[in-house]
Amino acid sequence: MSVEIDVLQDLENRIQAAVTRIRQLERENETLAQRLAESEQRFNEASEQLRGHEAVRGEIRDRLEKILSRFDGLQLGT
């Protein structure tokens, strides 16, 4: 009987260790899911900022091209 009790105790210990590990992994998973959501939010914000900067850059480029085209039509110093 002692062997059976030892086997059952060993089984119980293993099950408890597995349950503990599963709970730990669930907490880690929740933490990682939260970090992922935060990272996705920061990425979306950065992407929006980048689009804004690209739009401003395009406007500046267009304005510079218009200014330079005015100089092309001038005959300076000749």
Protein backbone atom coordinates (compact mmCIF):
# COMPACT_ATOMS: atom_id res chain seq x y z
CA MET A 1 0.00 0.00 0.00
CA SER A 2 2.81 2.34 0.74
CA VAL A 3 3.95 2.15 -2.89
CA GLU A 4 0.45 3.00 -4.09
CA ILE A 5 0.30 5.98 -1.74
CA ASP A 6 3.70 7.16 -2.98
CA VAL A 7 2.55 6.82 -6.59
CA LEU A 8 -0.64 8.74 -5.83
CA GLN A 9 1.33 11.44 -3.98
CA ASP A 10 3.73 11.71 -6.90
CA LEU A 11 0.81 11.98 -9.31
CA GLU A 12 -0.84 14.61 -7.13
CA ASN A 13 2.42 16.60 -7.00
CA ARG A 14 2.81 16.45 -10.75
CA ILE A 15 -0.78 17.56 -11.31
CA GLN A 16 -0.33 20.44 -8.88
CA ALA A 17 2.89 21.48 -10.62
CA ALA A 18 1.12 21.35 -13.99
CA VAL A 19 -1.79 23.44 -12.68
CA THR A 20 0.65 25.96 -11.21
CA ARG A 21 2.54 26.16 -14.50
CA ILE A 22 -0.68 26.58 -16.49
CA ARG A 23 -1.77 29.45 -14.24
CA GLN A 24 1.65 31.05 -14.61
CA LEU A 25 1.45 30.73 -18.40
CA GLU A 26 -2.05 32.20 -18.41
CA ARG A 27 -0.80 35.25 -16.47
CA GLU A 28 2.16 35.59 -18.84
CA ASN A 29 -0.21 35.30 -21.79
CA GLU A 30 -2.41 38.07 -20.39
CA THR A 31 0.63 40.27 -19.83
CA LEU A 32 1.89 39.62 -23.34
CA ALA A 33 -1.54 40.28 -24.85
CA GLN A 34 -1.68 43.60 -23.02
CA ARG A 35 1.82 44.53 -24.15
CA LEU A 36 0.90 43.60 -27.71
CA ALA A 37 -2.22 45.77 -27.60
CA GLU A 38 -0.16 48.68 -26.24
CA SER A 39 2.48 48.18 -28.93
CA GLU A 40 -0.16 48.08 -31.65
CA GLN A 41 -1.64 51.31 -30.29
CA ARG A 42 1.77 53.02 -30.30
CA PHE A 43 2.40 51.70 -33.81
CA ASN A 44 -0.93 53.08 -35.03
CA GLU A 45 -0.21 56.45 -33.44
CA ALA A 46 3.27 56.54 -34.98
CA SER A 47 1.86 55.56 -38.38
CA GLU A 48 -0.67 58.38 -38.16
CA GLN A 49 2.07 60.82 -37.24
CA LEU A 50 4.17 59.60 -40.15
CA ARG A 51 1.28 60.09 -42.57
CA GLY A 52 0.88 63.62 -41.23
CA HIS A 53 4.57 64.35 -41.69
CA GLU A 54 4.50 62.91 -45.19
CA ALA A 55 1.54 65.13 -46.08
CA VAL A 56 3.34 68.21 -44.77
CA ARG A 57 6.49 67.17 -46.63
CA GLY A 58 4.49 66.86 -49.85
CA GLU A 59 2.97 70.30 -49.37
CA ILE A 60 6.40 71.82 -48.74
CA ARG A 61 7.81 70.08 -51.82
CA ASP A 62 4.94 71.38 -53.96
CA ARG A 63 5.39 74.92 -52.69
CA LEU A 64 9.15 74.79 -53.29
CA GLU A 65 8.60 73.51 -56.81
CA LYS A 66 6.24 76.43 -57.50
CA ILE A 67 8.73 78.93 -56.10
CA LEU A 68 11.58 77.43 -58.13
CA SER A 69 9.48 77.43 -61.28
CA ARG A 70 9.04 81.19 -60.85
CA PHE A 71 12.81 81.60 -60.78
CA ASP A 72 13.16 79.50 -63.92
CA GLY A 73 11.09 82.08 -65.78
CA LEU A 74 13.30 84.99 -64.68
CA GLN A 75 16.37 86.09 -66.50
CA LEU A 76 18.58 87.37 -63.77
CA GLY A 77 21.65 89.40 -64.49
CA THR A 78 21.65 89.01 -68.25
